[in-house]
Amino acid sequence: MNYSLVPEHYKDKDPRTLLYHFPSIPVVKFAKITQKFYFFKQLEIAQDIVNRMGYILLPSACMHWERVKQFADRRIRIGRNSFFMMRPNELTESERRKLQEYLDEIKKGEKS
């Protein structure tokens, strides 16, 4: 199962040069844009490391609360979101379905 939780073109909108080009940008707007960019950057790094170890990242929203407790030692927190290191053969059918829905949602949000 080859997938990515990170939108493909998130790097196209790198906010690090915004302050230089637009010094009067509102602080709150800049903070939100930067926070979103760095969230995806951290998620990309975590996903790369986890994939090298033979696991995949599974968002906690795709898991049942009992399984979340069972795999608490494999939790990775990025910002306010939790992800779990899972082997592809450890996923239940409902987790696979929810993960596919999650990925479709990311792709749909990327197109708009």
PDB file of N, CA and C in Angstrom:
ATOM      1  N   MET A   1       0.855  -1.183   0.000  1.00  0.00           N
ATOM      2  CA  MET A   1       0.000   0.000   0.000  1.00  0.00           C
ATOM      3  C   MET A   1       0.892   1.234   0.000  1.00  0.00           C
ATOM      4  N   ASN A   2       0.981   1.881  -1.130  1.00  0.00           N
ATOM      5  CA  ASN A   2       1.822   3.058  -1.270  1.00  0.00           C
ATOM      6  C   ASN A   2       0.917   4.296  -1.287  1.00  0.00           C
ATOM      7  N   TYR A   3       1.076   5.156  -0.326  1.00  0.00           N
ATOM      8  CA  TYR A   3       0.231   6.333  -0.215  1.00  0.00           C
ATOM      9  C   TYR A   3       0.997   7.420   0.527  1.00  0.00           C
ATOM     10  N   SER A   4       0.422   8.624   0.512  1.00  0.00           N
ATOM     11  CA  SER A   4       1.025   9.728   1.241  1.00  0.00           C
ATOM     12  C   SER A   4      -0.077  10.547   1.905  1.00  0.00           C
ATOM     13  N   LEU A   5       0.134  10.873   3.157  1.00  0.00           N
ATOM     14  CA  LEU A   5      -0.808  11.728   3.883  1.00  0.00           C
ATOM     15  C   LEU A   5      -0.557  13.201   3.594  1.00  0.00           C
ATOM     16  N   VAL A   6       0.545  13.487   2.906  1.00  0.00           N
ATOM     17  CA  VAL A   6       0.948  14.856   2.618  1.00  0.00           C
ATOM     18  C   VAL A   6       0.447  15.235   1.226  1.00  0.00           C
ATOM     19  N   PRO A   7      -0.230  16.376   1.073  1.00  0.00           N
ATOM     20  CA  PRO A   7      -0.644  16.814  -0.264  1.00  0.00           C
ATOM     21  C   PRO A   7       0.574  16.990  -1.175  1.00  0.00           C
ATOM     22  N   GLU A   8       0.402  16.644  -2.444  1.00  0.00           N
ATOM     23  CA  GLU A   8       1.523  16.642  -3.382  1.00  0.00           C
ATOM     24  C   GLU A   8       2.204  17.999  -3.521  1.00  0.00           C
ATOM     25  N   HIS A   9       1.419  19.045  -3.665  1.00  0.00           N
ATOM     26  CA  HIS A   9       1.987  20.348  -4.021  1.00  0.00           C
ATOM     27  C   HIS A   9       2.022  21.336  -2.857  1.00  0.00           C
ATOM     28  N   TYR A  10       2.186  20.837  -1.640  1.00  0.00           N
ATOM     29  CA  TYR A  10       2.203  21.771  -0.506  1.00  0.00           C
ATOM     30  C   TYR A  10       3.449  22.646  -0.523  1.00  0.00           C
ATOM     31  N   LYS A  11       4.532  22.165  -1.133  1.00  0.00           N
ATOM     32  CA  LYS A  11       5.783  22.933  -1.165  1.00  0.00           C
ATOM     33  C   LYS A  11       5.734  24.080  -2.163  1.00  0.00           C
ATOM     34  N   ASP A  12       4.762  24.058  -3.074  1.00  0.00           N
ATOM     35  CA  ASP A  12       4.649  25.126  -4.068  1.00  0.00           C
ATOM     36  C   ASP A  12       4.307  26.464  -3.418  1.00  0.00           C
ATOM     37  N   LYS A  13       3.660  26.410  -2.261  1.00  0.00           N
ATOM     38  CA  LYS A  13       3.248  27.634  -1.565  1.00  0.00           C
ATOM     39  C   LYS A  13       4.082  27.824  -0.301  1.00  0.00           C
ATOM     40  N   ASP A  14       5.382  27.882  -0.463  1.00  0.00           N
ATOM     41  CA  ASP A  14       6.302  28.045   0.665  1.00  0.00           C
ATOM     42  C   ASP A  14       6.165  29.459   1.232  1.00  0.00           C
ATOM     43  N   PRO A  15       5.745  29.601   2.497  1.00  0.00           N
ATOM     44  CA  PRO A  15       5.477  30.929   3.057  1.00  0.00           C
ATOM     45  C   PRO A  15       6.711  31.654   3.598  1.00  0.00           C
ATOM     46  N   ARG A  16       7.874  31.045   3.540  1.00  0.00           N
ATOM     47  CA  ARG A  16       9.037  31.640   4.200  1.00  0.00           C
ATOM     48  C   ARG A  16       9.485  32.948   3.562  1.00  0.00           C
ATOM     49  N   THR A  17       9.149  33.173   2.293  1.00  0.00           N
ATOM     50  CA  THR A  17       9.554  34.423   1.646  1.00  0.00           C
ATOM     51  C   THR A  17       8.441  35.472   1.650  1.00  0.00           C
ATOM     52  N   LEU A  18       7.286  35.132   2.193  1.00  0.00           N
ATOM     53  CA  LEU A  18       6.155  36.061   2.167  1.00  0.00           C
ATOM     54  C   LEU A  18       6.448  37.375   2.890  1.00  0.00           C
ATOM     55  N   LEU A  19       7.083  37.302   4.041  1.00  0.00           N
ATOM     56  CA  LEU A  19       7.354  38.532   4.800  1.00  0.00           C
ATOM     57  C   LEU A  19       8.280  39.478   4.044  1.00  0.00           C
ATOM     58  N   TYR A  20       9.191  38.927   3.279  1.00  0.00           N
ATOM     59  CA  TYR A  20      10.105  39.774   2.501  1.00  0.00           C
ATOM     60  C   TYR A  20       9.335  40.492   1.392  1.00  0.00           C
ATOM     61  N   HIS A  21       8.482  39.746   0.691  1.00  0.00           N
ATOM     62  CA  HIS A  21       7.748  40.322  -0.432  1.00  0.00           C
ATOM     63  C   HIS A  21       6.526  41.132   0.001  1.00  0.00           C
ATOM     64  N   PHE A  22       5.915  40.760   1.111  1.00  0.00           N
ATOM     65  CA  PHE A  22       4.717  41.446   1.606  1.00  0.00           C
ATOM     66  C   PHE A  22       4.895  41.775   3.086  1.00  0.00           C
ATOM     67  N   PRO A  23       5.651  42.824   3.409  1.00  0.00           N
ATOM     68  CA  PRO A  23       5.918  43.126   4.824  1.00  0.00           C
ATOM     69  C   PRO A  23       4.673  43.531   5.621  1.00  0.00           C
ATOM     70  N   SER A  24       3.606  43.927   4.935  1.00  0.00           N
ATOM     71  CA  SER A  24       2.407  44.354   5.658  1.00  0.00           C
ATOM     72  C   SER A  24       1.362  43.239   5.781  1.00  0.00           C
ATOM     73  N   ILE A  25       1.743  41.993   5.537  1.00  0.00           N
ATOM     74  CA  ILE A  25       0.803  40.871   5.660  1.00  0.00           C
ATOM     75  C   ILE A  25       0.347  40.762   7.120  1.00  0.00           C
ATOM     76  N   PRO A  26      -0.948  40.543   7.335  1.00  0.00           N
ATOM     77  CA  PRO A  26      -1.436  40.409   8.720  1.00  0.00           C
ATOM     78  C   PRO A  26      -0.745  39.249   9.449  1.00  0.00           C
ATOM     79  N   VAL A  27      -0.410  39.475  10.693  1.00  0.00           N
ATOM     80  CA  VAL A  27       0.354  38.505  11.476  1.00  0.00           C
ATOM     81  C   VAL A  27      -0.397  37.182  11.620  1.00  0.00           C
ATOM     82  N   VAL A  28      -1.691  37.261  11.885  1.00  0.00           N
ATOM     83  CA  VAL A  28      -2.478  36.049  12.094  1.00  0.00           C
ATOM     84  C   VAL A  28      -2.534  35.217  10.809  1.00  0.00           C
ATOM     85  N   LYS A  29      -2.719  35.886   9.682  1.00  0.00           N
ATOM     86  CA  LYS A  29      -2.772  35.176   8.400  1.00  0.00           C
ATOM     87  C   LYS A  29      -1.438  34.495   8.116  1.00  0.00           C
ATOM     88  N   PHE A  30      -0.349  35.214   8.332  1.00  0.00           N
ATOM     89  CA  PHE A  30       0.981  34.636   8.109  1.00  0.00           C
ATOM     90  C   PHE A  30       1.225  33.453   9.043  1.00  0.00           C
ATOM     91  N   ALA A  31       0.803  33.582  10.293  1.00  0.00           N
ATOM     92  CA  ALA A  31       0.994  32.495  11.262  1.00  0.00           C
ATOM     93  C   ALA A  31       0.230  31.242  10.843  1.00  0.00           C
ATOM     94  N   LYS A  32      -1.003  31.402  10.363  1.00  0.00           N
ATOM     95  CA  LYS A  32      -1.798  30.249   9.935  1.00  0.00           C
ATOM     96  C   LYS A  32      -1.186  29.571   8.714  1.00  0.00           C
ATOM     97  N   ILE A  33      -0.748  30.365   7.747  1.00  0.00           N
ATOM     98  CA  ILE A  33      -0.131  29.801   6.541  1.00  0.00           C
ATOM     99  C   ILE A  33       1.146  29.057   6.903  1.00  0.00           C
ATOM    100  N   THR A  34       1.958  29.660   7.758  1.00  0.00           N
ATOM    101  CA  THR A  34       3.221  29.045   8.167  1.00  0.00           C
ATOM    102  C   THR A  34       2.978  27.777   8.976  1.00  0.00           C
ATOM    103  N   GLN A  35       2.004  27.809   9.869  1.00  0.00           N
ATOM    104  CA  GLN A  35       1.692  26.638  10.691  1.00  0.00           C
ATOM    105  C   GLN A  35       1.270  25.460   9.814  1.00  0.00           C
ATOM    106  N   LYS A  36       0.437  25.716   8.821  1.00  0.00           N
ATOM    107  CA  LYS A  36      -0.013  24.657   7.916  1.00  0.00           C
ATOM    108  C   LYS A  36       1.166  24.088   7.119  1.00  0.00           C
ATOM    109  N   PHE A  37       2.036  24.965   6.635  1.00  0.00           N
ATOM    110  CA  PHE A  37       3.197  24.527   5.860  1.00  0.00           C
ATOM    111  C   PHE A  37       4.117  23.644   6.701  1.00  0.00           C
ATOM    112  N   TYR A  38       4.427  24.083   7.910  1.00  0.00           N
ATOM    113  CA  TYR A  38       5.334  23.309   8.760  1.00  0.00           C
ATOM    114  C   TYR A  38       4.694  22.022   9.278  1.00  0.00           C
ATOM    115  N   PHE A  39       3.370  21.997   9.421  1.00  0.00           N
ATOM    116  CA  PHE A  39       2.691  20.749   9.779  1.00  0.00           C
ATOM    117  C   PHE A  39       2.930  19.700   8.697  1.00  0.00           C
ATOM    118  N   PHE A  40       2.719  20.092   7.438  1.00  0.00           N
ATOM    119  CA  PHE A  40       2.923  19.140   6.345  1.00  0.00           C
ATOM    120  C   PHE A  40       4.391  18.768   6.187  1.00  0.00           C
ATOM    121  N   LYS A  41       5.277  19.700   6.476  1.00  0.00           N
ATOM    122  CA  LYS A  41       6.712  19.398   6.395  1.00  0.00           C
ATOM    123  C   LYS A  41       7.096  18.359   7.461  1.00  0.00           C
ATOM    124  N   GLN A  42       6.620  18.542   8.690  1.00  0.00           N
ATOM    125  CA  GLN A  42       6.893  17.572   9.758  1.00  0.00           C
ATOM    126  C   GLN A  42       6.248  16.225   9.457  1.00  0.00           C
ATOM    127  N   LEU A  43       5.045  16.253   8.911  1.00  0.00           N
ATOM    128  CA  LEU A  43       4.353  15.015   8.559  1.00  0.00           C
ATOM    129  C   LEU A  43       5.110  14.265   7.466  1.00  0.00           C
ATOM    130  N   GLU A  44       5.648  14.990   6.514  1.00  0.00           N
ATOM    131  CA  GLU A  44       6.424  14.363   5.436  1.00  0.00           C
ATOM    132  C   GLU A  44       7.682  13.696   5.988  1.00  0.00           C
ATOM    133  N   ILE A  45       8.368  14.357   6.899  1.00  0.00           N
ATOM    134  CA  ILE A  45       9.575  13.794   7.512  1.00  0.00           C
ATOM    135  C   ILE A  45       9.225  12.556   8.331  1.00  0.00           C
ATOM    136  N   ALA A  46       8.171  12.646   9.140  1.00  0.00           N
ATOM    137  CA  ALA A  46       7.748  11.499   9.954  1.00  0.00           C
ATOM    138  C   ALA A  46       7.351  10.325   9.069  1.00  0.00           C
ATOM    139  N   GLN A  47       6.648  10.608   8.005  1.00  0.00           N
ATOM    140  CA  GLN A  47       6.213   9.542   7.097  1.00  0.00           C
ATOM    141  C   GLN A  47       7.413   8.872   6.432  1.00  0.00           C
ATOM    142  N   ASP A  48       8.406   9.648   6.058  1.00  0.00           N
ATOM    143  CA  ASP A  48       9.612   9.086   5.442  1.00  0.00           C
ATOM    144  C   ASP A  48      10.338   8.155   6.415  1.00  0.00           C
ATOM    145  N   ILE A  49      10.496   8.589   7.654  1.00  0.00           N
ATOM    146  CA  ILE A  49      11.184   7.772   8.666  1.00  0.00           C
ATOM    147  C   ILE A  49      10.397   6.495   8.960  1.00  0.00           C
ATOM    148  N   VAL A  50       9.093   6.632   9.118  1.00  0.00           N
ATOM    149  CA  VAL A  50       8.244   5.481   9.423  1.00  0.00           C
ATOM    150  C   VAL A  50       8.266   4.473   8.275  1.00  0.00           C
ATOM    151  N   ASN A  51       8.231   4.963   7.038  1.00  0.00           N
ATOM    152  CA  ASN A  51       8.273   4.058   5.887  1.00  0.00           C
ATOM    153  C   ASN A  51       9.595   3.308   5.816  1.00  0.00           C
ATOM    154  N   ARG A  52      10.678   3.943   6.197  1.00  0.00           N
ATOM    155  CA  ARG A  52      11.984   3.266   6.201  1.00  0.00           C
ATOM    156  C   ARG A  52      12.030   2.150   7.236  1.00  0.00           C
ATOM    157  N   MET A  53      11.225   2.271   8.281  1.00  0.00           N
ATOM    158  CA  MET A  53      11.176   1.243   9.322  1.00  0.00           C
ATOM    159  C   MET A  53      10.186   0.128   8.975  1.00  0.00           C
ATOM    160  N   GLY A  54       9.475   0.263   7.854  1.00  0.00           N
ATOM    161  CA  GLY A  54       8.537  -0.767   7.434  1.00  0.00           C
ATOM    162  C   GLY A  54       7.117  -0.573   7.930  1.00  0.00           C
ATOM    163  N   TYR A  55       6.821   0.597   8.455  1.00  0.00           N
ATOM    164  CA  TYR A  55       5.480   0.904   8.948  1.00  0.00           C
ATOM    165  C   TYR A  55       4.812   1.898   8.006  1.00  0.00           C
ATOM    166  N   ILE A  56       3.533   2.152   8.260  1.00  0.00           N
ATOM    167  CA  ILE A  56       2.829   3.250   7.604  1.00  0.00           C
ATOM    168  C   ILE A  56       2.230   4.125   8.698  1.00  0.00           C
ATOM    169  N   LEU A  57       1.958   5.373   8.365  1.00  0.00           N
ATOM    170  CA  LEU A  57       1.317   6.282   9.322  1.00  0.00           C
ATOM    171  C   LEU A  57      -0.194   6.197   9.155  1.00  0.00           C
ATOM    172  N   LEU A  58      -0.871   5.983  10.257  1.00  0.00           N
ATOM    173  CA  LEU A  58      -2.327   5.899  10.253  1.00  0.00           C
ATOM    174  C   LEU A  58      -2.867   6.988  11.177  1.00  0.00           C
ATOM    175  N   PRO A  59      -3.696   7.899  10.659  1.00  0.00           N
ATOM    176  CA  PRO A  59      -4.276   8.934  11.519  1.00  0.00           C
ATOM    177  C   PRO A  59      -5.163   8.314  12.597  1.00  0.00           C
ATOM    178  N   SER A  60      -5.161   8.917  13.760  1.00  0.00           N
ATOM    179  CA  SER A  60      -5.959   8.367  14.868  1.00  0.00           C
ATOM    180  C   SER A  60      -7.450   8.405  14.558  1.00  0.00           C
ATOM    181  N   ALA A  61      -7.868   9.302  13.669  1.00  0.00           N
ATOM    182  CA  ALA A  61      -9.281   9.378  13.291  1.00  0.00           C
ATOM    183  C   ALA A  61      -9.747   8.119  12.567  1.00  0.00           C
ATOM    184  N   CYS A  62      -8.818   7.347  12.056  1.00  0.00           N
ATOM    185  CA  CYS A  62      -9.155   6.111  11.328  1.00  0.00           C
ATOM    186  C   CYS A  62      -9.193   4.890  12.239  1.00  0.00           C
ATOM    187  N   MET A  63      -8.927   5.074  13.524  1.00  0.00           N
ATOM    188  CA  MET A  63      -8.823   3.932  14.430  1.00  0.00           C
ATOM    189  C   MET A  63      -9.924   3.958  15.491  1.00  0.00           C
ATOM    190  N   HIS A  64     -10.271   2.787  15.980  1.00  0.00           N
ATOM    191  CA  HIS A  64     -11.211   2.639  17.087  1.00  0.00           C
ATOM    192  C   HIS A  64     -10.480   3.021  18.373  1.00  0.00           C
ATOM    193  N   TRP A  65     -11.205   3.553  19.341  1.00  0.00           N
ATOM    194  CA  TRP A  65     -10.548   4.047  20.563  1.00  0.00           C
ATOM    195  C   TRP A  65      -9.834   2.938  21.325  1.00  0.00           C
ATOM    196  N   GLU A  66     -10.322   1.694  21.258  1.00  0.00           N
ATOM    197  CA  GLU A  66      -9.643   0.595  21.954  1.00  0.00           C
ATOM    198  C   GLU A  66      -8.308   0.268  21.289  1.00  0.00           C
ATOM    199  N   ARG A  67      -8.277   0.339  19.952  1.00  0.00           N
ATOM    200  CA  ARG A  67      -7.020   0.092  19.234  1.00  0.00           C
ATOM    201  C   ARG A  67      -6.038   1.236  19.477  1.00  0.00           C
ATOM    202  N   VAL A  68      -6.559   2.435  19.652  1.00  0.00           N
ATOM    203  CA  VAL A  68      -5.693   3.574  19.972  1.00  0.00           C
ATOM    204  C   VAL A  68      -4.979   3.315  21.293  1.00  0.00           C
ATOM    205  N   LYS A  69      -5.722   2.822  22.288  1.00  0.00           N
ATOM    206  CA  LYS A  69      -5.106   2.502  23.585  1.00  0.00           C
ATOM    207  C   LYS A  69      -4.114   1.355  23.453  1.00  0.00           C
ATOM    208  N   GLN A  70      -4.434   0.382  22.626  1.00  0.00           N
ATOM    209  CA  GLN A  70      -3.585  -0.794  22.451  1.00  0.00           C
ATOM    210  C   GLN A  70      -2.234  -0.423  21.833  1.00  0.00           C
ATOM    211  N   PHE A  71      -2.228   0.529  20.910  1.00  0.00           N
ATOM    212  CA  PHE A  71      -1.002   0.913  20.219  1.00  0.00           C
ATOM    213  C   PHE A  71      -0.483   2.272  20.691  1.00  0.00           C
ATOM    214  N   ALA A  72      -0.701   2.609  21.941  1.00  0.00           N
ATOM    215  CA  ALA A  72      -0.292   3.913  22.472  1.00  0.00           C
ATOM    216  C   ALA A  72       1.218   4.125  22.398  1.00  0.00           C
ATOM    217  N   ASP A  73       1.989   3.058  22.451  1.00  0.00           N
ATOM    218  CA  ASP A  73       3.445   3.200  22.394  1.00  0.00           C
ATOM    219  C   ASP A  73       3.941   3.523  20.985  1.00  0.00           C
ATOM    220  N   ARG A  74       3.088   3.426  19.984  1.00  0.00           N
ATOM    221  CA  ARG A  74       3.470   3.719  18.602  1.00  0.00           C
ATOM    222  C   ARG A  74       2.925   5.065  18.124  1.00  0.00           C
ATOM    223  N   ARG A  75       2.482   5.886  19.053  1.00  0.00           N
ATOM    224  CA  ARG A  75       1.865   7.159  18.678  1.00  0.00           C
ATOM    225  C   ARG A  75       2.917   8.206  18.347  1.00  0.00           C
ATOM    226  N   ILE A  76       2.619   8.985  17.321  1.00  0.00           N
ATOM    227  CA  ILE A  76       3.438  10.133  16.934  1.00  0.00           C
ATOM    228  C   ILE A  76       2.505  11.333  16.922  1.00  0.00           C
ATOM    229  N   ARG A  77       2.878  12.372  17.648  1.00  0.00           N
ATOM    230  CA  ARG A  77       2.063  13.586  17.663  1.00  0.00           C
ATOM    231  C   ARG A  77       2.740  14.655  16.822  1.00  0.00           C
ATOM    232  N   ILE A  78       1.965  15.214  15.907  1.00  0.00           N
ATOM    233  CA  ILE A  78       2.430  16.325  15.091  1.00  0.00           C
ATOM    234  C   ILE A  78       1.387  17.419  15.248  1.00  0.00           C
ATOM    235  N   GLY A  79       1.782  18.492  15.899  1.00  0.00           N
ATOM    236  CA  GLY A  79       0.811  19.528  16.226  1.00  0.00           C
ATOM    237  C   GLY A  79      -0.200  18.968  17.205  1.00  0.00           C
ATOM    238  N   ARG A  80      -1.470  19.090  16.874  1.00  0.00           N
ATOM    239  CA  ARG A  80      -2.531  18.539  17.730  1.00  0.00           C
ATOM    240  C   ARG A  80      -3.033  17.195  17.223  1.00  0.00           C
ATOM    241  N   ASN A  81      -2.451  16.697  16.160  1.00  0.00           N
ATOM    242  CA  ASN A  81      -2.918  15.454  15.546  1.00  0.00           C
ATOM    243  C   ASN A  81      -2.049  14.279  15.962  1.00  0.00           C
ATOM    244  N   SER A  82      -2.673  13.132  16.121  1.00  0.00           N
ATOM    245  CA  SER A  82      -1.961  11.905  16.462  1.00  0.00           C
ATOM    246  C   SER A  82      -1.983  10.954  15.276  1.00  0.00           C
ATOM    247  N   PHE A  83      -0.853  10.315  15.064  1.00  0.00           N
ATOM    248  CA  PHE A  83      -0.711   9.307  14.027  1.00  0.00           C
ATOM    249  C   PHE A  83      -0.077   8.084  14.672  1.00  0.00           C
ATOM    250  N   PHE A  84      -0.361   6.930  14.107  1.00  0.00           N
ATOM    251  CA  PHE A  84       0.153   5.687  14.668  1.00  0.00           C
ATOM    252  C   PHE A  84       0.974   4.940  13.636  1.00  0.00           C
ATOM    253  N   MET A  85       2.097   4.382  14.094  1.00  0.00           N
ATOM    254  CA  MET A  85       2.941   3.555  13.239  1.00  0.00           C
ATOM    255  C   MET A  85       2.325   2.158  13.210  1.00  0.00           C
ATOM    256  N   MET A  86       1.851   1.763  12.060  1.00  0.00           N
ATOM    257  CA  MET A  86       1.205   0.458  11.921  1.00  0.00           C
ATOM    258  C   MET A  86       1.818  -0.285  10.745  1.00  0.00           C
ATOM    259  N   ARG A  87       1.910  -1.584  10.867  1.00  0.00           N
ATOM    260  CA  ARG A  87       2.310  -2.406   9.727  1.00  0.00           C
ATOM    261  C   ARG A  87       1.071  -2.589   8.844  1.00  0.00           C
ATOM    262  N   PRO A  88       1.260  -2.631   7.524  1.00  0.00           N
ATOM    263  CA  PRO A  88       0.087  -2.768   6.636  1.00  0.00           C
ATOM    264  C   PRO A  88      -0.763  -4.005   6.927  1.00  0.00           C
ATOM    265  N   ASN A  89      -0.140  -5.094   7.378  1.00  0.00           N
ATOM    266  CA  ASN A  89      -0.916  -6.309   7.655  1.00  0.00           C
ATOM    267  C   ASN A  89      -1.640  -6.247   9.004  1.00  0.00           C
ATOM    268  N   GLU A  90      -1.381  -5.230   9.825  1.00  0.00           N
ATOM    269  CA  GLU A  90      -2.054  -5.072  11.119  1.00  0.00           C
ATOM    270  C   GLU A  90      -3.371  -4.303  11.009  1.00  0.00           C
ATOM    271  N   LEU A  91      -3.623  -3.689   9.863  1.00  0.00           N
ATOM    272  CA  LEU A  91      -4.824  -2.871   9.702  1.00  0.00           C
ATOM    273  C   LEU A  91      -6.067  -3.746   9.582  1.00  0.00           C
ATOM    274  N   THR A  92      -7.131  -3.303  10.221  1.00  0.00           N
ATOM    275  CA  THR A  92      -8.411  -3.996  10.073  1.00  0.00           C
ATOM    276  C   THR A  92      -9.086  -3.489   8.798  1.00  0.00           C
ATOM    277  N   GLU A  93     -10.149  -4.145   8.381  1.00  0.00           N
ATOM    278  CA  GLU A  93     -10.863  -3.735   7.165  1.00  0.00           C
ATOM    279  C   GLU A  93     -11.442  -2.329   7.309  1.00  0.00           C
ATOM    280  N   SER A  94     -11.993  -2.026   8.480  1.00  0.00           N
ATOM    281  CA  SER A  94     -12.572  -0.691   8.675  1.00  0.00           C
ATOM    282  C   SER A  94     -11.479   0.381   8.677  1.00  0.00           C
ATOM    283  N   GLU A  95     -10.308   0.058   9.209  1.00  0.00           N
ATOM    284  CA  GLU A  95      -9.200   1.020   9.185  1.00  0.00           C
ATOM    285  C   GLU A  95      -8.727   1.264   7.758  1.00  0.00           C
ATOM    286  N   ARG A  96      -8.671   0.217   6.948  1.00  0.00           N
ATOM    287  CA  ARG A  96      -8.299   0.386   5.536  1.00  0.00           C
ATOM    288  C   ARG A  96      -9.311   1.278   4.818  1.00  0.00           C
ATOM    289  N   ARG A  97     -10.590   1.027   5.071  1.00  0.00           N
ATOM    290  CA  ARG A  97     -11.639   1.814   4.428  1.00  0.00           C
ATOM    291  C   ARG A  97     -11.570   3.278   4.865  1.00  0.00           C
ATOM    292  N   LYS A  98     -11.410   3.500   6.166  1.00  0.00           N
ATOM    293  CA  LYS A  98     -11.329   4.868   6.685  1.00  0.00           C
ATOM    294  C   LYS A  98     -10.079   5.581   6.181  1.00  0.00           C
ATOM    295  N   LEU A  99      -8.971   4.847   6.068  1.00  0.00           N
ATOM    296  CA  LEU A  99      -7.737   5.438   5.546  1.00  0.00           C
ATOM    297  C   LEU A  99      -7.928   5.853   4.096  1.00  0.00           C
ATOM    298  N   GLN A 100      -8.586   5.012   3.300  1.00  0.00           N
ATOM    299  CA  GLN A 100      -8.838   5.355   1.899  1.00  0.00           C
ATOM    300  C   GLN A 100      -9.729   6.590   1.795  1.00  0.00           C
ATOM    301  N   GLU A 101     -10.744   6.682   2.654  1.00  0.00           N
ATOM    302  CA  GLU A 101     -11.611   7.865   2.679  1.00  0.00           C
ATOM    303  C   GLU A 101     -10.819   9.110   3.070  1.00  0.00           C
ATOM    304  N   TYR A 102      -9.912   8.962   4.034  1.00  0.00           N
ATOM    305  CA  TYR A 102      -9.062  10.066   4.486  1.00  0.00           C
ATOM    306  C   TYR A 102      -8.178  10.552   3.335  1.00  0.00           C
ATOM    307  N   LEU A 103      -7.590   9.613   2.595  1.00  0.00           N
ATOM    308  CA  LEU A 103      -6.727   9.962   1.466  1.00  0.00           C
ATOM    309  C   LEU A 103      -7.529  10.628   0.350  1.00  0.00           C
ATOM    310  N   ASP A 104      -8.731  10.133   0.087  1.00  0.00           N
ATOM    311  CA  ASP A 104      -9.591  10.749  -0.926  1.00  0.00           C
ATOM    312  C   ASP A 104      -9.952  12.176  -0.533  1.00  0.00           C
ATOM    313  N   GLU A 105     -10.177  12.391   0.761  1.00  0.00           N
ATOM    314  CA  GLU A 105     -10.499  13.724   1.268  1.00  0.00           C
ATOM    315  C   GLU A 105      -9.321  14.683   1.062  1.00  0.00           C
ATOM    316  N   ILE A 106      -8.110  14.191   1.297  1.00  0.00           N
ATOM    317  CA  ILE A 106      -6.914  15.015   1.095  1.00  0.00           C
ATOM    318  C   ILE A 106      -6.782  15.399  -0.374  1.00  0.00           C
ATOM    319  N   LYS A 107      -6.965  14.419  -1.267  1.00  0.00           N
ATOM    320  CA  LYS A 107      -6.849  14.692  -2.703  1.00  0.00           C
ATOM    321  C   LYS A 107      -7.938  15.645  -3.172  1.00  0.00           C
ATOM    322  N   LYS A 108      -9.142  15.503  -2.625  1.00  0.00           N
ATOM    323  CA  LYS A 108     -10.247  16.386  -2.992  1.00  0.00           C
ATOM    324  C   LYS A 108      -9.956  17.819  -2.533  1.00  0.00           C
ATOM    325  N   GLY A 109      -9.413  17.960  -1.335  1.00  0.00           N
ATOM    326  CA  GLY A 109      -9.068  19.280  -0.815  1.00  0.00           C
ATOM    327  C   GLY A 109      -7.919  19.916  -1.565  1.00  0.00           C
ATOM    328  N   GLU A 110      -7.056  19.086  -2.137  1.00  0.00           N
ATOM    329  CA  GLU A 110      -5.911  19.585  -2.891  1.00  0.00           C
ATOM    330  C   GLU A 110      -6.349  20.162  -4.231  1.00  0.00           C
ATOM    331  N   LYS A 111      -7.391  19.590  -4.823  1.00  0.00           N
ATOM    332  CA  LYS A 111      -7.866  20.039  -6.133  1.00  0.00           C
ATOM    333  C   LYS A 111      -8.561  21.384  -6.053  1.00  0.00           C
ATOM    334  N   SER A 112      -9.232  21.671  -4.934  1.00  0.00           N
ATOM    335  CA  SER A 112      -9.965  22.934  -4.841  1.00  0.00           C
ATOM    336  C   SER A 112      -9.098  24.086  -4.475  1.00  0.00           C
TER     337      SER A 112
END
